N, C-alpha and C. Protein backbone atom coordinates (compact mmCIF):
# COMPACT_ATOMS: atom_id res chain seq x y z
N MET A 1 12.50 0.00 -2.72
CA MET A 1 12.77 -1.22 -2.23
C MET A 1 13.73 -0.77 -0.77
N LYS A 2 14.35 0.74 -0.79
CA LYS A 2 14.36 1.48 0.28
C LYS A 2 12.87 1.00 1.72
N ILE A 3 11.99 0.94 1.57
CA ILE A 3 10.81 0.93 2.39
C ILE A 3 11.10 -0.06 2.82
N TYR A 4 10.80 -0.97 1.89
CA TYR A 4 10.58 -2.20 2.54
C TYR A 4 11.73 -2.89 3.75
N LEU A 5 13.30 -1.70 2.57
CA LEU A 5 14.40 -2.13 4.79
C LEU A 5 13.32 -2.23 5.89
N PHE A 6 13.02 -0.70 6.07
CA PHE A 6 12.73 0.27 6.72
C PHE A 6 11.34 -0.26 7.31
N SER A 7 10.89 -1.15 6.88
CA SER A 7 9.67 -1.58 7.17
C SER A 7 9.92 -3.16 7.84
N LEU A 8 11.20 -3.73 7.51
CA LEU A 8 11.43 -4.63 8.47
C LEU A 8 12.82 -4.78 9.62
N GLY A 9 13.72 -3.46 8.89
CA GLY A 9 14.18 -3.19 10.38
C GLY A 9 13.33 -2.63 11.45
N ALA A 10 12.17 -2.22 11.08
CA ALA A 10 10.84 -1.89 12.26
C ALA A 10 10.35 -2.44 12.62
N GLY A 11 9.99 -3.62 11.97
CA GLY A 11 9.74 -4.86 12.19
C GLY A 11 10.40 -5.99 13.43
N LEU A 12 11.64 -5.52 12.62
CA LEU A 12 12.52 -6.37 14.03
C LEU A 12 12.78 -5.38 15.17
N LEU A 13 12.39 -4.46 14.46
CA LEU A 13 13.38 -3.73 15.77
C LEU A 13 12.40 -3.83 17.34
N VAL A 14 10.89 -3.06 16.07
CA VAL A 14 9.82 -4.05 17.49
C VAL A 14 10.33 -5.40 17.96
N GLY A 15 10.13 -6.52 17.41
CA GLY A 15 10.38 -7.88 17.45
C GLY A 15 10.99 -8.09 19.12
N VAL A 16 12.22 -6.97 18.62
CA VAL A 16 13.63 -7.14 19.56
C VAL A 16 12.51 -6.75 21.01
N VAL A 17 11.94 -5.58 21.02
CA VAL A 17 11.51 -4.95 22.25
C VAL A 17 10.61 -6.60 22.94
N TYR A 18 9.67 -6.68 21.46
CA TYR A 18 8.65 -7.51 22.38
C TYR A 18 9.95 -9.20 23.34
N SER A 19 10.89 -9.11 22.09
CA SER A 19 11.68 -9.95 23.54
C SER A 19 11.52 -9.96 24.68
N LEU A 20 12.61 -8.38 24.46
CA LEU A 20 13.09 -7.56 25.93
C LEU A 20 12.06 -8.01 27.45
N LEU A 21 10.31 -7.96 26.54
CA LEU A 21 9.64 -7.53 27.61
C LEU A 21 9.11 -8.19 27.52
N GLN A 22 9.61 -9.25 26.26
CA GLN A 22 8.51 -11.07 27.59
C GLN A 22 7.42 -11.10 27.36
N VAL A 23 7.22 -10.55 25.92
CA VAL A 23 5.65 -10.76 25.89
C VAL A 23 5.64 -11.23 23.87
N ARG A 24 4.10 -11.61 23.93
CA ARG A 24 3.96 -11.96 22.25
C ARG A 24 3.49 -10.95 21.74
N SER A 25 3.67 -10.86 20.40
CA SER A 25 3.26 -10.19 19.55
C SER A 25 1.48 -10.38 19.76
N PRO A 26 0.96 -9.46 19.40
CA PRO A 26 -0.72 -9.88 19.59
C PRO A 26 -1.16 -10.55 18.51
N ALA A 27 -1.04 -10.89 17.60
CA ALA A 27 -1.83 -12.02 16.53
C ALA A 27 -0.51 -12.96 16.22
N PRO A 28 -0.62 -14.61 15.65
CA PRO A 28 -0.19 -15.34 14.88
C PRO A 28 0.60 -14.10 13.42
N PRO A 29 1.64 -14.16 13.28
CA PRO A 29 1.77 -13.45 11.55
C PRO A 29 0.72 -13.41 10.62
N LEU A 30 0.81 -14.87 10.12
CA LEU A 30 -0.52 -15.28 8.80
C LEU A 30 -1.87 -14.87 9.47
N VAL A 31 -1.97 -14.47 10.76
CA VAL A 31 -3.38 -14.39 11.61
C VAL A 31 -3.31 -12.15 11.19
N ALA A 32 -2.10 -11.90 11.73
CA ALA A 32 -2.52 -10.64 11.39
C ALA A 32 -2.19 -10.32 9.55
N LEU A 33 -1.72 -10.04 9.03
CA LEU A 33 -0.96 -10.41 7.49
C LEU A 33 -2.73 -10.69 6.37
N ILE A 34 -3.71 -11.77 7.09
CA ILE A 34 -4.59 -11.46 5.86
C ILE A 34 -5.53 -10.75 6.78
N GLY A 35 -5.46 -10.73 8.65
CA GLY A 35 -6.78 -9.04 8.98
C GLY A 35 -5.68 -8.13 8.26
N LEU A 36 -4.98 -7.51 7.37
CA LEU A 36 -4.19 -6.59 7.43
C LEU A 36 -4.91 -6.70 5.40
N LEU A 37 -4.30 -7.65 4.90
CA LEU A 37 -4.51 -8.39 3.04
C LEU A 37 -6.66 -7.27 3.57
N GLY A 38 -7.75 -8.59 4.88
CA GLY A 38 -8.97 -8.15 4.67
C GLY A 38 -9.37 -6.25 4.11
N ILE A 39 -8.99 -5.52 5.58
CA ILE A 39 -8.77 -4.00 5.35
C ILE A 39 -8.22 -3.22 4.58
N LEU A 40 -7.74 -3.82 3.92
CA LEU A 40 -6.95 -3.39 2.43
C LEU A 40 -7.74 -3.25 1.28
N VAL A 41 -8.23 -4.70 0.73
CA VAL A 41 -9.23 -4.63 0.26
C VAL A 41 -10.27 -3.74 0.85
N GLY A 42 -11.15 -4.04 2.29
CA GLY A 42 -12.01 -3.54 2.01
C GLY A 42 -12.35 -1.85 2.29
N GLU A 43 -11.07 -1.13 2.31
CA GLU A 43 -10.90 -0.08 1.74
C GLU A 43 -11.95 0.25 0.25
N GLN A 44 -11.60 -0.53 -0.69
CA GLN A 44 -11.75 -0.95 -1.85
C GLN A 44 -12.70 -1.44 -2.44
N VAL A 45 -13.85 -1.74 -1.65
CA VAL A 45 -15.26 -2.06 -2.37
C VAL A 45 -16.26 -0.48 -2.13
N ILE A 46 -16.02 0.59 -1.72
CA ILE A 46 -16.77 1.54 -2.02
C ILE A 46 -16.46 2.60 -3.42
N PRO A 47 -15.00 2.49 -3.63
CA PRO A 47 -14.47 3.56 -5.42
C PRO A 47 -14.78 2.31 -5.84
N VAL A 48 -14.85 0.62 -5.58
CA VAL A 48 -14.38 0.03 -6.42
C VAL A 48 -16.53 0.13 -7.39
N GLY A 49 -17.39 -0.41 -6.23
CA GLY A 49 -18.74 0.12 -5.61
C GLY A 49 -19.50 0.71 -6.40
N LYS A 50 -18.72 1.93 -6.49
CA LYS A 50 -19.05 4.07 -7.17
C LYS A 50 -18.86 2.86 -8.82
N GLN A 51 -17.47 2.79 -9.15
CA GLN A 51 -17.91 2.77 -10.85
C GLN A 51 -18.64 1.90 -11.29
N LEU A 52 -18.60 0.40 -10.16
CA LEU A 52 -19.94 -0.41 -11.40
C LEU A 52 -21.10 0.14 -11.45
N LEU A 53 -21.51 0.51 -10.12
CA LEU A 53 -22.38 1.61 -10.29
C LEU A 53 -23.25 2.51 -11.27
N THR A 54 -22.14 2.90 -11.86
CA THR A 54 -22.39 3.92 -13.53
C THR A 54 -21.75 3.15 -14.20
N GLY A 55 -21.63 1.99 -14.03
CA GLY A 55 -21.99 0.77 -15.14
C GLY A 55 -20.34 0.78 -15.68
N THR A 56 -20.09 0.70 -14.98
CA THR A 56 -18.45 0.20 -15.47
C THR A 56 -18.13 -1.18 -15.02
N SER A 57 -17.02 -1.53 -15.82
CA SER A 57 -16.62 -2.88 -15.98
C SER A 57 -16.40 -3.27 -14.81
N LEU A 58 -16.06 -4.81 -13.96
CA LEU A 58 -14.68 -4.73 -12.56
C LEU A 58 -13.32 -4.64 -13.27
N ALA A 59 -13.34 -4.76 -14.07
CA ALA A 59 -11.66 -4.99 -14.60
C ALA A 59 -10.94 -2.71 -14.24
N ALA A 60 -12.01 -2.28 -14.94
CA ALA A 60 -12.06 -0.82 -15.24
C ALA A 60 -11.97 0.43 -14.25
N ALA A 61 -13.12 0.00 -13.86
CA ALA A 61 -13.41 -0.20 -12.19
C ALA A 61 -12.03 -0.31 -10.99
N TRP A 62 -11.75 -1.42 -11.47
CA TRP A 62 -10.80 -1.29 -10.44
C TRP A 62 -9.10 -0.43 -11.02
N GLN A 63 -9.09 -0.73 -11.92
CA GLN A 63 -7.71 0.49 -12.69
C GLN A 63 -7.81 1.70 -12.24
N LYS A 64 -9.35 2.65 -12.18
CA LYS A 64 -9.62 3.77 -12.15
C LYS A 64 -9.43 3.79 -11.06
N ALA A 65 -9.95 2.85 -9.66
CA ALA A 65 -9.91 3.61 -7.75
C ALA A 65 -8.14 3.25 -7.69
N ALA A 66 -7.19 2.37 -8.84
CA ALA A 66 -5.93 2.57 -8.82
C ALA A 66 -6.04 1.67 -7.45
N CYS A 67 -6.88 0.55 -7.72
CA CYS A 67 -6.33 -0.46 -6.27
C CYS A 67 -4.67 -1.43 -5.74
N ALA A 68 -4.98 -1.76 -7.44
CA ALA A 68 -3.26 -2.10 -7.02
C ALA A 68 -2.69 -1.98 -6.24
N THR A 69 -2.00 -0.57 -6.53
CA THR A 69 -1.53 0.57 -5.84
C THR A 69 -1.15 0.41 -4.64
N HIS A 70 -2.61 0.48 -4.48
CA HIS A 70 -3.60 0.64 -3.15
C HIS A 70 -3.09 -0.17 -2.36
N ILE A 71 -2.82 -1.14 -2.30
CA ILE A 71 -3.29 -2.82 -1.70
C ILE A 71 -1.57 -3.24 -2.18
N PHE A 72 -0.33 -3.60 -2.59
CA PHE A 72 -0.22 -4.13 -2.94
C PHE A 72 1.65 -2.66 -2.84
N GLY A 73 0.96 -1.18 -2.86
CA GLY A 73 2.08 -0.27 -2.57
C GLY A 73 2.84 -0.05 -3.79
N MET A 74 3.68 0.54 -4.34
CA MET A 74 4.85 0.65 -5.83
C MET A 74 5.66 -0.81 -5.19
N LEU A 75 5.66 -1.34 -6.63
CA LEU A 75 6.52 -2.35 -6.51
C LEU A 75 7.85 -2.19 -6.49
N PRO A 76 8.74 -3.21 -6.31
CA PRO A 76 10.15 -2.68 -6.88
C PRO A 76 10.11 -2.85 -8.36
N GLY A 77 11.14 -2.50 -8.83
CA GLY A 77 11.13 -2.06 -10.70
C GLY A 77 9.99 -0.99 -11.09
N HIS A 78 9.11 -0.57 -10.20
CA HIS A 78 8.31 0.33 -11.02
C HIS A 78 7.72 1.55 -10.63
N HIS A 79 9.19 1.86 -9.91
CA HIS A 79 9.43 3.63 -9.28
C HIS A 79 9.50 3.79 -10.50
N GLY A 80 10.52 3.57 -11.02
CA GLY A 80 10.94 4.52 -12.50
C GLY A 80 10.25 4.70 -13.78
N ARG A 81 9.04 3.68 -13.50
CA ARG A 81 7.95 4.30 -14.62
C ARG A 81 6.83 5.23 -14.06
N ALA A 82 6.48 5.59 -13.26
CA ALA A 82 5.71 5.88 -12.22
C ALA A 82 6.62 7.76 -12.41
N GLU A 83 7.75 7.39 -12.56
CA GLU A 83 8.38 9.02 -12.17
C GLU A 83 8.36 9.48 -13.90
N THR A 84 8.06 8.69 -14.36
CA THR A 84 8.18 8.87 -16.11
C THR A 84 6.59 10.04 -16.58
N THR A 85 6.18 9.17 -15.62
CA THR A 85 4.44 8.77 -16.29
C THR A 85 3.65 10.72 -14.98
N THR A 86 4.35 10.92 -14.23
CA THR A 86 4.32 12.33 -13.72
C THR A 86 4.50 13.25 -14.11
N PRO A 87 4.32 14.00 -15.09
CA PRO A 87 4.73 15.91 -15.31
C PRO A 87 5.60 15.65 -14.63
N PRO A 88 6.60 17.01 -15.21
CA PRO A 88 7.89 17.64 -13.70
C PRO A 88 7.15 18.27 -13.66
N ALA A 89 7.54 18.99 -12.37
CA ALA A 89 7.45 20.36 -11.30
C ALA A 89 7.06 21.60 -11.89
N GLN A 90 6.59 22.01 -11.53
CA GLN A 90 6.60 24.05 -12.61
C GLN A 90 7.51 24.31 -10.84
N ASN A 91 8.56 24.99 -11.65
CA ASN A 91 9.58 25.04 -10.96
C ASN A 91 9.15 26.87 -10.94
N GLU A 92 9.07 27.99 -9.82
CA GLU A 92 8.65 29.59 -9.69
C GLU A 92 9.80 30.21 -9.95
N THR A 93 10.73 31.14 -10.49
CA THR A 93 11.66 31.47 -9.59
C THR A 93 10.53 33.30 -10.10
N ALA A 94 11.77 33.80 -8.45
CA ALA A 94 10.67 34.89 -8.44
C ALA A 94 11.93 36.02 -9.55
N SER A 95 11.82 36.96 -10.28
CA SER A 95 12.50 38.06 -10.95
C SER A 95 12.88 38.66 -10.97
């Protein structure tokens, strides 16, 4: 959740700077967000397409390419689940 608050804060800071400089944002917010969504989805076309060419189903290809995590990021409440599925780091100590 912290990263979302930092992102919002950064956006607010940029908005204040734009206001002080009396300039408008480069694109209307909805247009900009749709464009960003297009970029994120477009990045997944090649990995999913490669999986589909090998005969994998669309749902399996989507999961193998980790599209949901790439497009939506780690959603709030899922951080604990990700930590439990990753193996613990190996700490090497000098003897």
